[in-house]
C-alpha atoms as a PDB file:
ATOM      1  CA  MET A   1      45.629 110.245-120.088  1.00  0.00           C
ATOM      2  CA  ILE A   2      44.872 111.325-116.532  1.00  0.00           C
ATOM      3  CA  ASP A   3      47.505 111.666-114.079  1.00  0.00           C
ATOM      4  CA  PRO A   4      47.385 109.083-111.665  1.00  0.00           C
ATOM      5  CA  VAL A   5      46.627 110.013-108.073  1.00  0.00           C
ATOM      6  CA  ARG A   6      49.155 111.015-105.667  1.00  0.00           C
ATOM      7  CA  PRO A   7      49.609 112.978-102.059  1.00  0.00           C
ATOM      8  CA  ILE A   8      50.091 116.300-101.733  1.00  0.00           C
ATOM      9  CA  SER A   9      53.444 117.196-100.690  1.00  0.00           C
ATOM     10  CA  LEU A  10      54.099 120.281 -98.361  1.00  0.00           C
ATOM     11  CA  SER A  11      56.432 121.255-100.540  1.00  0.00           C
ATOM     12  CA  GLU A  12      53.619 122.072-103.171  1.00  0.00           C
ATOM     13  CA  ILE A  13      51.069 123.720-101.186  1.00  0.00           C
ATOM     14  CA  GLU A  14      54.232 125.844-100.371  1.00  0.00           C
ATOM     15  CA  ALA A  15      54.738 126.443-103.798  1.00  0.00           C
ATOM     16  CA  ALA A  16      50.661 127.194-104.208  1.00  0.00           C
ATOM     17  CA  ARG A  17      50.738 129.441-101.285  1.00  0.00           C
ATOM     18  CA  THR A  18      53.541 131.362-103.007  1.00  0.00           C
ATOM     19  CA  ARG A  19      51.392 131.480-106.559  1.00  0.00           C
ATOM     20  CA  VAL A  20      48.631 132.598-105.257  1.00  0.00           C
ATOM     21  CA  ALA A  21      49.440 135.029-102.606  1.00  0.00           C
ATOM     22  CA  GLY A  22      48.832 138.030-105.486  1.00  0.00           C
ATOM     23  CA  THR A  23      44.974 136.431-106.440  1.00  0.00           C
ATOM     24  CA  VAL A  24      43.894 134.847-103.196  1.00  0.00           C
ATOM     25  CA  LEU A  25      43.116 136.358 -99.674  1.00  0.00           C
ATOM     26  CA  ARG A  26      44.096 135.401 -96.536  1.00  0.00           C
ATOM     27  CA  THR A  27      40.307 135.090 -95.032  1.00  0.00           C
ATOM     28  CA  PRO A  28      40.036 135.546 -91.403  1.00  0.00           C
ATOM     29  CA  LEU A  29      39.311 132.877 -88.830  1.00  0.00           C
ATOM     30  CA  VAL A  30      36.389 134.269 -86.560  1.00  0.00           C
ATOM     31  CA  ARG A  31      35.422 132.844 -83.278  1.00  0.00           C
ATOM     32  CA  ILE A  32      31.528 132.524 -82.625  1.00  0.00           C
ATOM     33  CA  ASP A  33      30.216 130.568 -80.211  1.00  0.00           C
ATOM     34  CA  GLY A  34      32.606 128.858 -77.294  1.00  0.00           C
ATOM     35  CA  ASP A  35      34.924 126.796 -79.286  1.00  0.00           C
ATOM     36  CA  ILE A  36      33.576 127.315 -82.651  1.00  0.00           C
ATOM     37  CA  TYR A  37      35.946 129.036 -85.171  1.00  0.00           C
ATOM     38  CA  LEU A  38      34.632 130.231 -88.634  1.00  0.00           C
ATOM     39  CA  LYS A  39      37.563 130.842 -92.059  1.00  0.00           C
ATOM     40  CA  LEU A  40      35.180 132.706 -93.911  1.00  0.00           C
ATOM     41  CA  GLU A  41      36.031 131.854 -97.450  1.00  0.00           C
ATOM     42  CA  ASN A  42      32.698 133.631 -98.650  1.00  0.00           C
ATOM     43  CA  LEU A  43      35.123 136.926 -98.321  1.00  0.00           C
ATOM     44  CA  GLN A  44      37.356 136.134-101.461  1.00  0.00           C
ATOM     45  CA  PRO A  45      36.919 137.839-104.645  1.00  0.00           C
ATOM     46  CA  THR A  46      34.731 135.629-106.477  1.00  0.00           C
ATOM     47  CA  ASN A  47      33.356 134.928-102.690  1.00  0.00           C
ATOM     48  CA  ALA A  48      33.907 130.768-102.807  1.00  0.00           C
ATOM     49  CA  TYR A  49      37.602 128.912-101.833  1.00  0.00           C
ATOM     50  CA  LYS A  50      37.624 127.551-105.254  1.00  0.00           C
ATOM     51  CA  ILE A  51      39.391 130.374-106.348  1.00  0.00           C
ATOM     52  CA  ARG A  52      42.287 129.003-104.305  1.00  0.00           C
ATOM     53  CA  GLY A  53      42.756 126.263-106.269  1.00  0.00           C
ATOM     54  CA  ALA A  54      41.603 127.484-110.107  1.00  0.00           C
ATOM     55  CA  ALA A  55      44.413 130.243-109.232  1.00  0.00           C
ATOM     56  CA  ASN A  56      46.749 127.727-108.698  1.00  0.00           C
ATOM     57  CA  ALA A  57      45.509 125.205-111.281  1.00  0.00           C
ATOM     58  CA  VAL A  58      45.706 128.207-114.006  1.00  0.00           C
ATOM     59  CA  ALA A  59      49.436 129.222-112.858  1.00  0.00           C
ATOM     60  CA  ARG A  60      50.704 125.878-112.823  1.00  0.00           C
ATOM     61  CA  LEU A  61      49.653 125.468-117.117  1.00  0.00           C
ATOM     62  CA  SER A  62      52.290 125.536-119.382  1.00  0.00           C
ATOM     63  CA  GLU A  63      52.130 128.864-122.239  1.00  0.00           C
ATOM     64  CA  ALA A  64      51.051 126.159-125.100  1.00  0.00           C
ATOM     65  CA  GLU A  65      48.105 124.345-122.280  1.00  0.00           C
ATOM     66  CA  ARG A  66      47.022 128.282-121.878  1.00  0.00           C
ATOM     67  CA  ALA A  67      46.758 129.196-125.492  1.00  0.00           C
ATOM     68  CA  ARG A  68      44.352 126.605-126.022  1.00  0.00           C
ATOM     69  CA  GLY A  69      42.065 128.580-123.575  1.00  0.00           C
ATOM     70  CA  VAL A  70      40.638 126.187-120.286  1.00  0.00           C
ATOM     71  CA  TRP A  71      37.384 124.665-119.556  1.00  0.00           C
ATOM     72  CA  THR A  72      35.730 123.479-116.414  1.00  0.00           C
ATOM     73  CA  ILE A  73      32.805 121.966-114.934  1.00  0.00           C
ATOM     74  CA  SER A  74      30.941 123.798-112.374  1.00  0.00           C
ATOM     75  CA  ALA A  75      27.625 124.725-110.530  1.00  0.00           C
ATOM     76  CA  GLY A  76      28.824 128.334-110.186  1.00  0.00           C
ATOM     77  CA  ASN A  77      31.848 128.234-107.873  1.00  0.00           C
ATOM     78  CA  ALA A  78      34.679 126.598-109.235  1.00  0.00           C
ATOM     79  CA  GLY A  79      33.381 128.160-112.599  1.00  0.00           C
ATOM     80  CA  GLN A  80      33.915 131.453-111.221  1.00  0.00           C
ATOM     81  CA  GLY A  81      37.380 130.546-109.913  1.00  0.00           C
ATOM     82  CA  VAL A  82      38.530 129.355-113.083  1.00  0.00           C
ATOM     83  CA  ALA A  83      36.526 132.416-115.083  1.00  0.00           C
ATOM     84  CA  TYR A  84      38.843 134.861-112.235  1.00  0.00           C
ATOM     85  CA  ALA A  85      41.748 133.103-112.808  1.00  0.00           C
ATOM     86  CA  ALA A  86      41.602 132.918-116.844  1.00  0.00           C
ATOM     87  CA  ARG A  87      40.970 136.491-117.498  1.00  0.00           C
ATOM     88  CA  GLN A  88      44.480 137.236-114.949  1.00  0.00           C
ATOM     89  CA  PHE A  89      46.030 135.518-117.765  1.00  0.00           C
ATOM     90  CA  GLY A  90      44.052 137.011-120.634  1.00  0.00           C
ATOM     91  CA  ILE A  91      42.778 133.540-121.631  1.00  0.00           C
ATOM     92  CA  PRO A  92      39.513 132.345-123.253  1.00  0.00           C
ATOM     93  CA  CYS A  93      37.456 130.361-120.528  1.00  0.00           C
ATOM     94  CA  SER A  94      34.529 127.818-120.733  1.00  0.00           C
ATOM     95  CA  VAL A  95      32.165 126.733-118.124  1.00  0.00           C
ATOM     96  CA  VAL A  96      29.950 123.643-118.781  1.00  0.00           C
ATOM     97  CA  ALA A  97      27.265 124.603-116.151  1.00  0.00           C
ATOM     98  CA  ILE A  98      25.085 122.810-114.136  1.00  0.00           C
ATOM     99  CA  GLU A  99      21.313 125.087-115.598  1.00  0.00           C
ATOM    100  CA  THR A 100      19.484 124.870-112.201  1.00  0.00           C
ATOM    101  CA  ALA A 101      22.537 126.543-110.922  1.00  0.00           C
ATOM    102  CA  PRO A 102      21.535 130.096-109.183  1.00  0.00           C
ATOM    103  CA  GLN A 103      21.214 133.177-111.276  1.00  0.00           C
ATOM    104  CA  THR A 104      23.373 134.714-109.577  1.00  0.00           C
ATOM    105  CA  LYS A 105      26.621 132.140-109.762  1.00  0.00           C
ATOM    106  CA  LEU A 106      25.691 132.466-113.889  1.00  0.00           C
ATOM    107  CA  ASP A 107      25.848 135.775-114.055  1.00  0.00           C
ATOM    108  CA  ARG A 108      28.719 136.038-112.408  1.00  0.00           C
ATOM    109  CA  MET A 109      30.747 133.828-114.418  1.00  0.00           C
ATOM    110  CA  ARG A 110      29.437 135.628-117.747  1.00  0.00           C
ATOM    111  CA  ALA A 111      30.797 138.678-115.875  1.00  0.00           C
ATOM    112  CA  LEU A 112      34.151 137.546-115.607  1.00  0.00           C
ATOM    113  CA  GLY A 113      34.229 136.505-119.100  1.00  0.00           C
ATOM    114  CA  ALA A 114      33.585 132.703-119.165  1.00  0.00           C
ATOM    115  CA  ALA A 115      31.076 131.264-121.969  1.00  0.00           C
ATOM    116  CA  ILE A 116      28.479 129.171-120.533  1.00  0.00           C
ATOM    117  CA  VAL A 117      27.182 125.722-122.039  1.00  0.00           C
ATOM    118  CA  PRO A 118      24.452 125.054-120.032  1.00  0.00           C
ATOM    119  CA  VAL A 119      24.045 121.161-118.946  1.00  0.00           C
ATOM    120  CA  SER A 120      21.581 118.844-116.568  1.00  0.00           C
ATOM    121  CA  TYR A 121      23.025 117.675-113.407  1.00  0.00           C
ATOM    122  CA  ASP A 122      23.728 114.266-114.800  1.00  0.00           C
ATOM    123  CA  ASP A 123      25.500 115.470-117.512  1.00  0.00           C
ATOM    124  CA  ALA A 124      27.847 117.473-115.551  1.00  0.00           C
ATOM    125  CA  TRP A 125      28.537 114.461-113.244  1.00  0.00           C
ATOM    126  CA  LYS A 126      29.037 112.509-116.272  1.00  0.00           C
ATOM    127  CA  ALA A 127      31.787 115.104-117.799  1.00  0.00           C
ATOM    128  CA  ALA A 128      33.425 115.356-114.129  1.00  0.00           C
ATOM    129  CA  GLU A 129      34.001 111.381-113.943  1.00  0.00           C
ATOM    130  CA  THR A 130      35.353 110.987-117.325  1.00  0.00           C
ATOM    131  CA  HIS A 131      36.835 114.211-117.597  1.00  0.00           C
ATOM    132  CA  ALA A 132      35.567 115.104-120.791  1.00  0.00           C
ATOM    133  CA  PHE A 133      32.890 116.724-122.999  1.00  0.00           C
ATOM    134  CA  GLU A 134      32.151 116.958-126.266  1.00  0.00           C
ATOM    135  CA  GLY A 135      32.258 120.096-128.310  1.00  0.00           C
ATOM    136  CA  VAL A 136      33.991 121.833-125.568  1.00  0.00           C
ATOM    137  CA  ASP A 137      37.528 123.108-126.609  1.00  0.00           C
ATOM    138  CA  GLY A 138      40.932 123.775-124.584  1.00  0.00           C
ATOM    139  CA  THR A 139      42.531 122.470-121.734  1.00  0.00           C
ATOM    140  CA  PHE A 140      40.190 120.877-118.845  1.00  0.00           C
ATOM    141  CA  ILE A 141      40.623 122.142-115.548  1.00  0.00           C
ATOM    142  CA  HIS A 142      38.536 119.403-113.214  1.00  0.00           C
ATOM    143  CA  PRO A 143      36.498 121.141-110.338  1.00  0.00           C
ATOM    144  CA  PHE A 144      37.834 119.116-107.796  1.00  0.00           C
ATOM    145  CA  ASP A 145      39.853 115.672-109.122  1.00  0.00           C
ATOM    146  CA  ASN A 146      42.915 117.808-110.055  1.00  0.00           C
ATOM    147  CA  HIS A 147      46.196 117.913-108.216  1.00  0.00           C
ATOM    148  CA  ASP A 148      46.981 121.465-108.617  1.00  0.00           C
ATOM    149  CA  PHE A 149      43.682 122.466-107.864  1.00  0.00           C
ATOM    150  CA  ILE A 150      43.750 120.559-104.195  1.00  0.00           C
ATOM    151  CA  ALA A 151      46.935 121.700-103.920  1.00  0.00           C
ATOM    152  CA  GLY A 152      45.621 125.316-104.272  1.00  0.00           C
ATOM    153  CA  HIS A 153      43.126 124.562-101.459  1.00  0.00           C
ATOM    154  CA  ALA A 154      45.234 123.180 -99.464  1.00  0.00           C
ATOM    155  CA  THR A 155      46.741 126.198 -98.803  1.00  0.00           C
ATOM    156  CA  MET A 156      43.779 127.432 -96.248  1.00  0.00           C
ATOM    157  CA  GLY A 157      44.630 124.396 -94.089  1.00  0.00           C
ATOM    158  CA  ILE A 158      48.077 126.428 -93.531  1.00  0.00           C
ATOM    159  CA  GLU A 159      46.520 129.193 -92.682  1.00  0.00           C
ATOM    160  CA  ILE A 160      44.031 127.685 -89.776  1.00  0.00           C
ATOM    161  CA  LEU A 161      47.083 126.148 -88.291  1.00  0.00           C
ATOM    162  CA  GLU A 162      48.894 129.597 -88.138  1.00  0.00           C
ATOM    163  CA  ASP A 163      45.691 131.334 -86.827  1.00  0.00           C
ATOM    164  CA  LEU A 164      44.704 128.584 -84.660  1.00  0.00           C
ATOM    165  CA  PRO A 165      47.954 126.401 -83.485  1.00  0.00           C
ATOM    166  CA  ASP A 166      45.664 124.413 -81.319  1.00  0.00           C
ATOM    167  CA  VAL A 167      42.733 123.518 -83.557  1.00  0.00           C
ATOM    168  CA  ARG A 168      41.355 120.257 -82.701  1.00  0.00           C
ATOM    169  CA  THR A 169      39.137 119.678 -85.841  1.00  0.00           C
ATOM    170  CA  VAL A 170      38.315 120.939 -88.799  1.00  0.00           C
ATOM    171  CA  VAL A 171      35.250 120.970 -90.294  1.00  0.00           C
ATOM    172  CA  ALA A 172      34.554 121.125 -94.458  1.00  0.00           C
ATOM    173  CA  ALA A 173      31.737 120.903 -96.979  1.00  0.00           C
ATOM    174  CA  ILE A 174      31.633 117.476 -99.347  1.00  0.00           C
ATOM    175  CA  GLY A 175      31.057 118.052-102.816  1.00  0.00           C
ATOM    176  CA  GLY A 176      33.692 116.566-105.062  1.00  0.00           C
ATOM    177  CA  GLY A 177      35.895 115.897-102.613  1.00  0.00           C
ATOM    178  CA  GLY A 178      38.695 118.354-103.677  1.00  0.00           C
ATOM    179  CA  LEU A 179      37.846 121.190-100.532  1.00  0.00           C
ATOM    180  CA  ILE A 180      38.374 118.436 -98.066  1.00  0.00           C
ATOM    181  CA  THR A 181      41.339 116.774 -99.735  1.00  0.00           C
ATOM    182  CA  GLY A 182      43.432 120.309-100.023  1.00  0.00           C
ATOM    183  CA  VAL A 183      42.239 121.090 -96.444  1.00  0.00           C
ATOM    184  CA  GLY A 184      43.186 117.315 -94.770  1.00  0.00           C
ATOM    185  CA  SER A 185      46.454 116.719 -96.727  1.00  0.00           C
ATOM    186  CA  ALA A 186      47.378 120.408 -94.986  1.00  0.00           C
ATOM    187  CA  ILE A 187      46.314 119.497 -91.569  1.00  0.00           C
ATOM    188  CA  LYS A 188      47.371 115.813 -91.226  1.00  0.00           C
ATOM    189  CA  ALA A 189      51.061 116.591 -92.815  1.00  0.00           C
ATOM    190  CA  HIS A 190      51.604 119.263 -89.861  1.00  0.00           C
ATOM    191  CA  ARG A 191      49.282 117.918 -87.241  1.00  0.00           C
ATOM    192  CA  PRO A 192      48.357 114.411 -87.837  1.00  0.00           C
ATOM    193  CA  GLY A 193      46.516 114.242 -84.641  1.00  0.00           C
ATOM    194  CA  THR A 194      44.040 117.107 -85.570  1.00  0.00           C
ATOM    195  CA  LYS A 195      40.452 115.771 -87.225  1.00  0.00           C
ATOM    196  CA  VAL A 196      39.209 116.466 -90.425  1.00  0.00           C
ATOM    197  CA  LEU A 197      35.620 115.529 -90.731  1.00  0.00           C
ATOM    198  CA  GLY A 198      33.332 116.397 -94.193  1.00  0.00           C
ATOM    199  CA  ALA A 199      30.077 117.880 -93.720  1.00  0.00           C
ATOM    200  CA  GLU A 200      27.520 116.578 -96.377  1.00  0.00           C
ATOM    201  CA  PRO A 201      23.370 117.317 -96.915  1.00  0.00           C
ATOM    202  CA  GLU A 202      20.799 114.328 -95.940  1.00  0.00           C
ATOM    203  CA  THR A 203      19.579 114.728 -99.410  1.00  0.00           C
ATOM    204  CA  ALA A 204      23.234 113.770-101.044  1.00  0.00           C
ATOM    205  CA  ALA A 205      25.695 112.382 -99.009  1.00  0.00           C
ATOM    206  CA  PRO A 206      27.710 109.673-101.047  1.00  0.00           C
ATOM    207  CA  TYR A 207      30.855 110.032 -98.541  1.00  0.00           C
ATOM    208  CA  ALA A 208      28.759 108.750 -95.426  1.00  0.00           C
ATOM    209  CA  LEU A 209      27.774 105.882 -97.722  1.00  0.00           C
ATOM    210  CA  SER A 210      30.613 105.322 -98.628  1.00  0.00           C
ATOM    211  CA  LEU A 211      32.794 105.090 -94.997  1.00  0.00           C
ATOM    212  CA  ARG A 212      29.582 102.718 -93.775  1.00  0.00           C
ATOM    213  CA  GLU A 213      30.200 100.273 -96.753  1.00  0.00           C
ATOM    214  CA  GLY A 214      33.898 100.624 -97.500  1.00  0.00           C
ATOM    215  CA  GLY A 215      34.423 101.947-100.985  1.00  0.00           C
ATOM    216  CA  PRO A 216      33.344 104.262-103.415  1.00  0.00           C
ATOM    217  CA  ARG A 217      29.233 104.327-103.698  1.00  0.00           C
ATOM    218  CA  LYS A 218      26.424 106.164-105.323  1.00  0.00           C
ATOM    219  CA  PHE A 219      23.993 107.653-103.216  1.00  0.00           C
ATOM    220  CA  PRO A 220      20.076 106.297-103.777  1.00  0.00           C
ATOM    221  CA  GLY A 221      17.778 108.812-103.943  1.00  0.00           C
ATOM    222  CA  TRP A 222      19.855 111.765-104.532  1.00  0.00           C
ATOM    223  CA  GLN A 223      18.011 115.167-104.407  1.00  0.00           C
ATOM    224  CA  ALA A 224      18.594 118.359-105.911  1.00  0.00           C
ATOM    225  CA  SER A 225      18.740 121.199-102.998  1.00  0.00           C
ATOM    226  CA  PHE A 226      19.428 124.786-102.056  1.00  0.00           C
ATOM    227  CA  VAL A 227      22.665 123.235-100.897  1.00  0.00           C
ATOM    228  CA  ASP A 228      23.772 123.112-104.818  1.00  0.00           C
ATOM    229  CA  GLY A 229      27.364 123.906-103.782  1.00  0.00           C
ATOM    230  CA  ALA A 230      27.907 120.444-102.117  1.00  0.00           C
ATOM    231  CA  GLY A 231      26.690 116.969-102.013  1.00  0.00           C
ATOM    232  CA  GLY A 232      27.456 114.892-104.962  1.00  0.00           C
ATOM    233  CA  LYS A 233      25.372 112.018-106.603  1.00  0.00           C
ATOM    234  CA  SER A 234      28.293 109.705-106.260  1.00  0.00           C
ATOM    235  CA  VAL A 235      32.048 109.525-104.468  1.00  0.00           C
ATOM    236  CA  THR A 236      34.428 108.682-107.429  1.00  0.00           C
ATOM    237  CA  GLU A 237      37.175 105.600-107.179  1.00  0.00           C
ATOM    238  CA  ARG A 238      39.488 108.448-107.344  1.00  0.00           C
ATOM    239  CA  MET A 239      38.234 111.046-105.059  1.00  0.00           C
ATOM    240  CA  TRP A 240      37.860 107.993-102.360  1.00  0.00           C
ATOM    241  CA  GLN A 241      41.533 107.322-102.620  1.00  0.00           C
ATOM    242  CA  ARG A 242      42.642 111.049-102.330  1.00  0.00           C
ATOM    243  CA  MET A 243      40.192 112.003 -99.498  1.00  0.00           C
ATOM    244  CA  ARG A 244      40.409 108.790 -97.618  1.00  0.00           C
ATOM    245  CA  PRO A 245      43.809 109.365 -95.767  1.00  0.00           C
ATOM    246  CA  VAL A 246      42.694 112.706 -95.035  1.00  0.00           C
ATOM    247  CA  THR A 247      39.820 112.425 -93.330  1.00  0.00           C
ATOM    248  CA  ASP A 248      38.624 110.838 -90.048  1.00  0.00           C
ATOM    249  CA  GLY A 249      34.548 110.669 -91.023  1.00  0.00           C
ATOM    250  CA  THR A 250      32.296 113.069 -92.042  1.00  0.00           C
ATOM    251  CA  ILE A 251      28.285 114.160 -90.489  1.00  0.00           C
ATOM    252  CA  THR A 252      25.362 114.475 -92.388  1.00  0.00           C
ATOM    253  CA  VAL A 253      22.986 117.111 -91.683  1.00  0.00           C
ATOM    254  CA  THR A 254      19.699 118.135 -92.325  1.00  0.00           C
ATOM    255  CA  LEU A 255      18.241 121.210 -94.592  1.00  0.00           C
ATOM    256  CA  ASP A 256      16.738 122.629 -91.168  1.00  0.00           C
ATOM    257  CA  GLN A 257      19.813 122.315 -89.702  1.00  0.00           C
ATOM    258  CA  THR A 258      21.836 124.147 -93.002  1.00  0.00           C
ATOM    259  CA  ARG A 259      19.031 126.900 -92.816  1.00  0.00           C
ATOM    260  CA  ASP A 260      19.694 127.626 -89.396  1.00  0.00           C
ATOM    261  CA  ALA A 261      23.627 127.859 -89.688  1.00  0.00           C
ATOM    262  CA  MET A 262      23.277 130.132 -92.231  1.00  0.00           C
ATOM    263  CA  ARG A 263      21.365 132.155 -90.159  1.00  0.00           C
ATOM    264  CA  LEU A 264      23.555 131.752 -87.301  1.00  0.00           C
ATOM    265  CA  ILE A 265      26.827 133.085 -89.775  1.00  0.00           C
ATOM    266  CA  ALA A 266      24.702 135.771 -90.851  1.00  0.00           C
ATOM    267  CA  GLU A 267      24.066 137.108 -87.162  1.00  0.00           C
ATOM    268  CA  LYS A 268      27.353 136.349 -85.841  1.00  0.00           C
ATOM    269  CA  THR A 269      29.770 137.500 -88.649  1.00  0.00           C
ATOM    270  CA  ARG A 270      27.430 139.820 -91.000  1.00  0.00           C
ATOM    271  CA  THR A 271      28.465 137.851 -93.865  1.00  0.00           C
ATOM    272  CA  ILE A 272      26.031 135.845 -96.132  1.00  0.00           C
ATOM    273  CA  SER A 273      26.738 132.153 -96.735  1.00  0.00           C
ATOM    274  CA  GLU A 274      25.023 129.957 -99.553  1.00  0.00           C
ATOM    275  CA  GLY A 275      24.025 126.419 -98.332  1.00  0.00           C
ATOM    276  CA  ALA A 276      27.023 124.667 -99.168  1.00  0.00           C
ATOM    277  CA  GLY A 277      29.064 126.849 -97.078  1.00  0.00           C
ATOM    278  CA  ALA A 278      27.408 126.616 -93.383  1.00  0.00           C
ATOM    279  CA  LEU A 279      27.327 122.976 -93.791  1.00  0.00           C
ATOM    280  CA  ALA A 280      30.282 122.536 -91.635  1.00  0.00           C
ATOM    281  CA  LEU A 281      29.052 124.572 -89.124  1.00  0.00           C
ATOM    282  CA  ALA A 282      25.613 122.698 -89.069  1.00  0.00           C
ATOM    283  CA  ALA A 283      27.711 119.771 -88.894  1.00  0.00           C
ATOM    284  CA  ALA A 284      29.870 121.560 -85.925  1.00  0.00           C
ATOM    285  CA  LEU A 285      26.429 121.987 -83.972  1.00  0.00           C
ATOM    286  CA  THR A 286      25.030 118.766 -83.572  1.00  0.00           C
ATOM    287  CA  GLY A 287      27.919 117.880 -81.308  1.00  0.00           C
ATOM    288  CA  GLN A 288      28.820 115.111 -83.215  1.00  0.00           C
ATOM    289  CA  ALA A 289      32.816 116.714 -84.182  1.00  0.00           C
ATOM    290  CA  GLY A 290      33.731 116.510 -80.330  1.00  0.00           C
ATOM    291  CA  ASP A 291      35.273 118.740 -78.508  1.00  0.00           C
ATOM    292  CA  GLY A 292      36.631 122.555 -79.881  1.00  0.00           C
ATOM    293  CA  PRO A 293      38.783 124.162 -80.751  1.00  0.00           C
ATOM    294  CA  ILE A 294      36.699 123.866 -83.853  1.00  0.00           C
ATOM    295  CA  VAL A 295      37.318 125.118 -87.297  1.00  0.00           C
ATOM    296  CA  CYS A 296      34.451 124.849 -89.532  1.00  0.00           C
ATOM    297  CA  ILE A 297      35.291 126.444 -93.539  1.00  0.00           C
ATOM    298  CA  VAL A 298      32.400 128.615 -94.543  1.00  0.00           C
ATOM    299  CA  SER A 299      33.011 127.861 -98.187  1.00  0.00           C
ATOM    300  CA  GLY A 300      30.985 130.470-100.269  1.00  0.00           C
ATOM    301  CA  GLY A 301      28.457 132.803-100.557  1.00  0.00           C
ATOM    302  CA  ASN A 302      26.875 132.634-103.929  1.00  0.00           C
ATOM    303  CA  ILE A 303      23.450 132.271-103.295  1.00  0.00           C
ATOM    304  CA  ASP A 304      20.731 134.630-104.341  1.00  0.00           C
ATOM    305  CA  LEU A 305      19.811 137.015-101.975  1.00  0.00           C
ATOM    306  CA  ALA A 306      15.908 136.695-102.619  1.00  0.00           C
ATOM    307  CA  LYS A 307      16.867 133.103-102.091  1.00  0.00           C
ATOM    308  CA  PHE A 308      18.865 133.378 -98.924  1.00  0.00           C
ATOM    309  CA  SER A 309      16.213 135.602 -97.316  1.00  0.00           C
ATOM    310  CA  GLU A 310      13.728 133.202 -97.740  1.00  0.00           C
ATOM    311  CA  LEU A 311      15.978 130.199 -96.366  1.00  0.00           C
ATOM    312  CA  VAL A 312      16.899 132.298 -93.244  1.00  0.00           C
ATOM    313  CA  GLY A 313      13.014 133.980 -92.839  1.00  0.00           C
ATOM    314  CA  ARG A 314      11.726 130.533 -91.992  1.00  0.00           C
END
C-alpha cells in the first residue's frame, strides 16, 4: 500500500535535520558571479545530495523493515545514498541500476556494499512508477517519491535560508522531482515569496511540458544524454501533486549550456559537477530566473573524469 501524498511539514524537516546530522555535511554556499551562489552538494560524502534523503529514510525505518534489507532504483546517486545509509546500519542493500549509468556510479555503489541489478532505463522508470520490481527482496526506498526521502532533501532548504536570508530565487534540477519538492517545501514554509524554479535539459523536460499542458505528461522524443542524473521520461501523477504547490516554474536549457555551466563551476569553485549538477547554474545564466540573489543547487559530481574532461574541453 503506497501512502497518500501529503505536504512536508516544518516539524518533519527539523526532525530530519537532527536525524541526518551525523551523516550529512552542511555544504558551503559559494558566490560566483554577481548575485549567483552555488550550493555545493557535490561535496557530500557520496558527492551528491541524495545522501540527505537516504539517511533520513533509512533511519526512519522500523527494526523489522531494516531487518529485511533495503532496495532502491537508481542511475547512481540515489543508489549510493541508500547504500551508504544501509552500511551505517549494517543492513544489506540492493540497487536496481540503470545499466547505462556511468561506470563511476556503478563502481561506487558496489564499493559501498550494494548488490547491483542492471536493467534498462525503461524498466527502471517502470519500477519507479509502480513502486515494485519482481525478484528483489527487502524494504523499498523510492528514490524520489518517498515522504521521508523528500524531508531529508528539505534540510538543504533550511541551510540556504540561514546562509542567505535575502535569497530571491532557488533553482534545482528536476529528475524525478524529489529534490525540488524537498527544497521547495522548506523555502515556501519560511519564505513564501522566494521563487523556486526547476531546471531541465532540452532532451528530457517533462515538467516544462506538464506545466504548459496543465497536468502530468510523458515527454515525447526523450533522449539519453550525459545529463543522466536528471530529466525523467515523465512526471508521475504523485510527483505532480508534490511539486506543483512548492514550485514557480521551470527553465529548459540546452546541452551546450549545461557543458558551459560544468566548466564554469570547475573554474570558479575548483569542484567537479556532473551534468545534472550543472543544470541549475545553466538555467540561472539564461537570465530567466530573474534578479538575484539566486541560489543554484549543484546536486552532484559523480561523473567519470575522462567524460568530464571531454565535455568541458570542447
